[in-house]
Each structure stands twice: as C-alpha cells, then as structure tokens.
C-alpha cells in the first residue's frame, strides 16, 4: 500500500503530456541564481521559496538558463504573506486607465500587497504580474502603463476578471506565448486573451521576478514573498 501511494503521489508531480519540467523539486539546476544572492532564492519543502531580500547587486530575479521562443508555460505560485501596506493602489478600469474622482484626481486605496511576476523572453517589461490589486493578477504592467502604446494594446493587457485565490493559497498560471501574442489563464479563467506585446523579443529566458526593498528593517515597497512549484513548459512549433 505504501509503495502504491508513493507512486501515486509522485505521478501528481509529473509533467503533463508534451511538457518538460523546469524545476526538479530539490535544486535550482537549470536556473541562474543572481550573483551574490546570499541564499535568498532557495528550495524549501520541494518548492522554490523567495524572501525578497536577495543581496545581489544587479538583477535579483531568477532566470532559466535556457531560452524559449513560442511556448505554453504552466506554473503554480502562491503569495506567502503581505506585511506591507501599499498606500497607492489605483482603481484600474477595463481599458487599463485609472479611475478618477470628480476633480480629475486618480482614486487610490491602501491595502496589504505583494508583487512579483513571471517574466517572458528575457525582459521585465514582459511581466505577467502577480499582486494583490483589485484588478487581479495576470496583467502586463509594462505595457499597460506605457503611454506610447495605443489604447487597444493597453486594454488588451488588462485582466478581464479577477481570478486570484486568497493569500496563502496556490494559484496556477497557463501562459501561451506565440509570436508577439500572449494568452494568460489563471486558475482556469482566461484573464488575458491573445494580447499583442509590440517589440517583444523572439526568444529569451523565463524569469521569476524580484520586487521590493527595505529601509531601516521595514518594507518600503511590495515584496515578492512568494513560492513557486510545478513549472512546466511545452515548446511550440513555428
């Protein structure tokens, strides 16, 4: 019975048909740990754990060693906790703009927040966001807030629904990237559909994003206090 149960549990962690695993569950083999990180990106109980306190001098995000062009990526993630209160969270409208009051001032709220994301093709601008904002995770912040992008581009990279689970629970992304088009499914709901990312590179590594910092021992921006597991990729033919 024990042998059968062990095999069953192991099967649950096997890649879906056609996918390969990017995380072996016990090491960061296949990933580029930031130089000087100091052990802040680590393995804890079979998942990738991050405390948002990397000591690296440069880029603190964790990147795959391999580069990918067109692909489907599946990754499970969860926000561990939200000790930082973000005082400047805007109300984001369906077209990607911010709601304003009758005086024209942007409306903002304060709430517990964390911030990270899945980075596509080697650039932070191609970030599938993870956070606690009411609009929900899945947006491409770098495109939605780029004033050089036309209105239809900015609207398309704004989540159509809030599909996040509560802080502490596991979420699942399925991200399809083909050419300069991307679709994001969060917990079985399509939050971004066939959005265009003008200028995205044809190929690049996949990253897990660092965000946040401390001053005098206190968080001064939303920290990426996250865990990741079950990271699988399926490369797509041109």
Protein backbone atom coordinates (compact mmCIF):
# COMPACT_ATOMS: atom_id res chain seq x y z
CA UNK A 1 0.00 0.00 0.00
CA UNK A 2 2.77 2.43 0.93
CA UNK A 3 4.58 1.73 -2.35
CA UNK A 4 1.44 2.31 -4.40
CA UNK A 5 0.62 5.53 -2.56
CA UNK A 6 4.15 6.84 -3.08
CA UNK A 7 3.92 6.15 -6.81
CA UNK A 8 0.57 7.90 -6.97
CA UNK A 9 1.91 11.00 -5.20
CA UNK A 10 4.92 11.07 -7.50
CA UNK A 11 2.69 10.86 -10.56
CA UNK A 12 0.92 14.05 -9.49
CA UNK A 13 4.22 15.93 -9.92
CA UNK A 14 4.95 14.52 -13.38
CA UNK A 15 4.91 16.91 -16.36
CA UNK A 16 1.68 16.98 -18.38
CA UNK A 17 1.84 15.24 -21.75
CA UNK A 18 4.12 17.15 -24.11
CA UNK A 19 5.63 19.31 -21.36
CA UNK A 20 9.06 19.21 -19.71
CA UNK A 21 9.83 20.27 -16.17
CA UNK A 22 11.86 23.41 -15.45
CA UNK A 23 12.12 22.64 -11.72
CA UNK A 24 13.18 19.29 -10.30
CA UNK A 25 11.74 19.90 -6.83
CA UNK A 26 15.01 19.75 -4.94
CA UNK A 27 17.55 22.10 -6.58
CA UNK A 28 17.89 25.20 -8.75
CA UNK A 29 19.55 23.22 -11.54
CA UNK A 30 18.66 24.88 -14.84
CA UNK A 31 18.26 28.32 -13.25
CA UNK A 32 20.65 31.27 -13.00
CA UNK A 33 20.82 32.32 -9.36
CA UNK A 34 21.71 36.05 -9.15
CA UNK A 35 25.40 36.57 -8.36
CA UNK A 36 25.76 37.43 -4.68
CA UNK A 37 22.19 36.39 -3.88
CA UNK A 38 23.15 35.05 -0.46
CA UNK A 39 20.76 32.11 -0.42
CA UNK A 40 17.52 34.09 -0.60
CA UNK A 41 16.30 32.15 -3.64
CA UNK A 42 16.16 28.65 -2.17
CA UNK A 43 14.37 25.31 -2.10
CA UNK A 44 12.02 24.79 0.84
CA UNK A 45 9.87 21.66 1.19
CA UNK A 46 10.02 20.94 -2.54
CA UNK A 47 9.15 24.43 -3.80
CA UNK A 48 11.12 27.49 -4.89
CA UNK A 49 10.93 29.94 -1.99
CA UNK A 50 11.87 33.62 -2.07
CA UNK A 51 12.02 36.16 0.76
CA UNK A 52 12.55 39.27 -1.44
CA UNK A 53 15.88 40.04 0.26
CA UNK A 54 18.42 38.97 -2.36
CA UNK A 55 21.82 40.56 -1.74
CA UNK A 56 22.70 40.59 -5.45
CA UNK A 57 23.98 43.96 -6.66
CA UNK A 58 22.36 43.76 -10.08
CA UNK A 59 19.27 41.94 -11.33
CA UNK A 60 17.79 39.99 -8.41
CA UNK A 61 15.28 37.92 -10.41
CA UNK A 62 15.70 34.18 -11.04
CA UNK A 63 16.04 33.22 -14.72
CA UNK A 64 16.12 29.95 -16.62
CA UNK A 65 19.42 29.07 -18.25
CA UNK A 66 17.60 28.10 -21.43
CA UNK A 67 15.86 30.48 -23.80
CA UNK A 68 12.41 29.90 -25.23
CA UNK A 69 10.54 31.24 -28.24
CA UNK A 70 6.93 30.10 -28.63
CA UNK A 71 5.67 28.04 -25.71
CA UNK A 72 2.98 27.15 -23.21
CA UNK A 73 4.12 27.62 -19.62
CA UNK A 74 2.38 26.18 -16.57
CA UNK A 75 3.45 27.35 -13.13
CA UNK A 76 1.91 27.18 -9.67
CA UNK A 77 2.53 30.11 -7.34
CA UNK A 78 1.38 31.48 -4.04
CA UNK A 79 1.87 34.66 -2.05
CA UNK A 80 3.06 33.65 1.43
CA UNK A 81 2.15 36.81 3.31
CA UNK A 82 1.55 40.54 2.85
CA UNK A 83 3.30 42.51 5.61
CA UNK A 84 3.49 45.69 3.52
CA UNK A 85 0.52 48.06 3.25
CA UNK A 86 0.58 49.67 -0.17
CA UNK A 87 -0.89 53.19 0.14
CA UNK A 88 -1.10 53.90 -3.59
CA UNK A 89 -3.18 51.19 -5.25
CA UNK A 90 -5.25 52.66 -8.10
CA UNK A 91 -8.65 51.57 -9.33
CA UNK A 92 -7.88 50.18 -12.79
CA UNK A 93 -10.67 50.35 -15.35
CA UNK A 94 -11.29 47.69 -18.03
CA UNK A 95 -9.49 49.82 -20.63
CA UNK A 96 -6.37 49.91 -18.46
CA UNK A 97 -6.72 53.53 -17.36
CA UNK A 98 -7.12 54.67 -13.74
CA UNK A 99 -10.44 55.79 -12.29
CA UNK A 100 -10.59 59.46 -11.26
CA UNK A 101 -12.81 61.47 -8.94
CA UNK A 102 -14.86 64.49 -10.00
CA UNK A 103 -11.80 66.73 -9.66
CA UNK A 104 -9.80 64.54 -12.03
CA UNK A 105 -7.56 63.13 -9.32
CA UNK A 106 -6.68 59.44 -9.55
CA UNK A 107 -8.57 57.37 -6.98
CA UNK A 108 -6.36 55.21 -4.75
CA UNK A 109 -6.75 52.84 -1.84
CA UNK A 110 -4.41 51.29 0.73
CA UNK A 111 -4.24 47.52 1.11
CA UNK A 112 -1.86 44.68 2.05
CA UNK A 113 0.21 43.91 -1.03
CA UNK A 114 2.87 41.70 -2.54
CA UNK A 115 4.38 41.97 -6.01
CA UNK A 116 6.12 39.54 -8.35
CA UNK A 117 5.53 38.03 -11.75
CA UNK A 118 6.51 35.61 -14.48
CA UNK A 119 8.93 37.27 -16.89
CA UNK A 120 8.79 36.26 -20.55
CA UNK A 121 11.60 36.20 -23.13
CA UNK A 122 14.23 37.87 -21.02
CA UNK A 123 12.59 41.22 -20.25
CA UNK A 124 10.94 42.70 -17.18
CA UNK A 125 8.53 44.56 -19.44
CA UNK A 126 7.06 41.20 -20.46
CA UNK A 127 5.88 40.58 -16.91
CA UNK A 128 2.78 38.51 -16.20
CA UNK A 129 2.03 40.25 -12.93
CA UNK A 130 1.38 38.67 -9.53
CA UNK A 131 -0.01 41.00 -6.86
CA UNK A 132 -2.97 41.82 -4.60
CA UNK A 133 -4.59 44.67 -6.52
CA UNK A 134 -8.38 44.53 -7.08
CA UNK A 135 -7.90 44.26 -10.86
CA UNK A 136 -6.30 40.85 -10.28
CA UNK A 137 -3.08 39.18 -11.38
CA UNK A 138 -2.14 38.49 -14.98
CA UNK A 139 -1.68 41.94 -16.44
CA UNK A 140 1.36 43.23 -18.33
CA UNK A 141 2.18 46.31 -16.24
CA UNK A 142 4.98 47.46 -18.52
CA UNK A 143 2.62 47.65 -21.50
CA UNK A 144 -0.50 48.91 -19.71
CA UNK A 145 1.44 51.87 -18.31
CA UNK A 146 3.38 52.66 -21.48
CA UNK A 147 1.92 55.92 -22.88
CA UNK A 148 3.46 55.13 -26.26
CA UNK A 149 1.19 52.12 -26.68
CA UNK A 150 -2.20 52.62 -28.39
CA UNK A 151 -5.36 52.31 -26.33
CA UNK A 152 -6.30 48.89 -27.72
CA UNK A 153 -2.92 47.41 -26.71
CA UNK A 154 -3.20 48.77 -23.16
CA UNK A 155 -6.76 47.50 -22.79
CA UNK A 156 -5.87 44.02 -24.05
CA UNK A 157 -3.12 43.53 -21.42
CA UNK A 158 -5.52 44.47 -18.58
CA UNK A 159 -7.13 41.48 -16.79
CA UNK A 160 -10.73 40.92 -17.84
CA UNK A 161 -11.57 39.33 -14.48
CA UNK A 162 -10.09 38.85 -11.01
CA UNK A 163 -9.27 35.14 -10.67
CA UNK A 164 -6.77 35.11 -7.78
CA UNK A 165 -7.19 32.84 -4.79
CA UNK A 166 -6.73 34.25 -1.27
CA UNK A 167 -3.23 34.99 0.00
CA UNK A 168 -1.59 31.77 1.17
CA UNK A 169 -3.39 29.54 -1.35
CA UNK A 170 -1.85 28.10 -4.52
CA UNK A 171 -2.70 29.60 -7.91
CA UNK A 172 -1.97 28.23 -11.38
CA UNK A 173 -0.93 30.13 -14.49
CA UNK A 174 -1.06 28.75 -18.00
CA UNK A 175 0.67 31.24 -20.28
CA UNK A 176 0.71 30.79 -24.05
CA UNK A 177 3.27 32.90 -25.89
CA UNK A 178 3.31 32.70 -29.68
CA UNK A 179 5.00 35.39 -31.75
CA UNK A 180 4.08 38.71 -30.15
CA UNK A 181 0.76 37.38 -28.84
CA UNK A 182 0.06 36.08 -25.36
CA UNK A 183 -2.87 34.47 -23.54
CA UNK A 184 -2.95 34.10 -19.76
CA UNK A 185 -5.23 31.65 -17.94
CA UNK A 186 -5.33 31.98 -14.15
CA UNK A 187 -6.99 29.22 -12.14
CA UNK A 188 -8.91 28.08 -15.20
CA UNK A 189 -10.16 31.56 -16.17
CA UNK A 190 -8.84 33.46 -19.18
CA UNK A 191 -7.71 36.85 -17.87
CA UNK A 192 -5.70 37.94 -20.94
CA UNK A 193 -6.63 36.68 -24.42
CA UNK A 194 -4.39 36.96 -27.47
CA UNK A 195 -2.97 40.31 -26.38
CA UNK A 196 -0.24 41.84 -28.51
CA UNK A 197 3.12 42.76 -26.99
CA UNK A 198 4.75 45.02 -29.60
CA UNK A 199 8.53 44.73 -29.68
CA UNK A 200 8.82 41.56 -27.60
CA UNK A 201 11.98 39.58 -28.41
CA UNK A 202 11.58 36.43 -30.49
CA UNK A 203 13.33 34.37 -27.83
CA UNK A 204 14.64 34.64 -24.28
CA UNK A 205 14.74 33.08 -20.81
CA UNK A 206 11.80 32.78 -18.43
CA UNK A 207 12.11 34.56 -15.09
CA UNK A 208 10.63 34.65 -11.61
CA UNK A 209 10.57 38.29 -10.59
CA UNK A 210 12.13 40.00 -7.60
CA UNK A 211 10.33 43.04 -6.21
CA UNK A 212 10.55 45.06 -3.02
CA UNK A 213 13.11 46.53 -0.68
CA UNK A 214 13.67 47.51 2.93
CA UNK A 215 14.85 50.63 4.72
CA UNK A 216 15.73 50.52 8.41
CA UNK A 217 14.35 46.98 8.54
CA UNK A 218 10.92 47.92 7.15
CA UNK A 219 9.45 47.22 3.72
CA UNK A 220 9.18 50.33 1.57
CA UNK A 221 7.53 48.66 -1.44
CA UNK A 222 5.53 45.47 -2.03
CA UNK A 223 7.88 42.49 -1.52
CA UNK A 224 7.83 39.33 -3.62
CA UNK A 225 7.24 36.95 -0.71
CA UNK A 226 6.34 34.04 -2.96
CA UNK A 227 6.73 30.36 -3.63
CA UNK A 228 6.69 28.55 -6.99
CA UNK A 229 6.32 24.90 -7.96
CA UNK A 230 5.20 22.59 -10.80
CA UNK A 231 6.91 24.66 -13.51
CA UNK A 232 6.42 23.03 -16.90
CA UNK A 233 6.97 24.25 -20.44
CA UNK A 234 5.86 22.97 -23.84
CA UNK A 235 7.69 24.46 -26.80
CA UNK A 236 5.50 25.18 -29.82
CA UNK A 237 6.45 24.71 -33.45
CA UNK A 238 6.64 27.80 -35.61
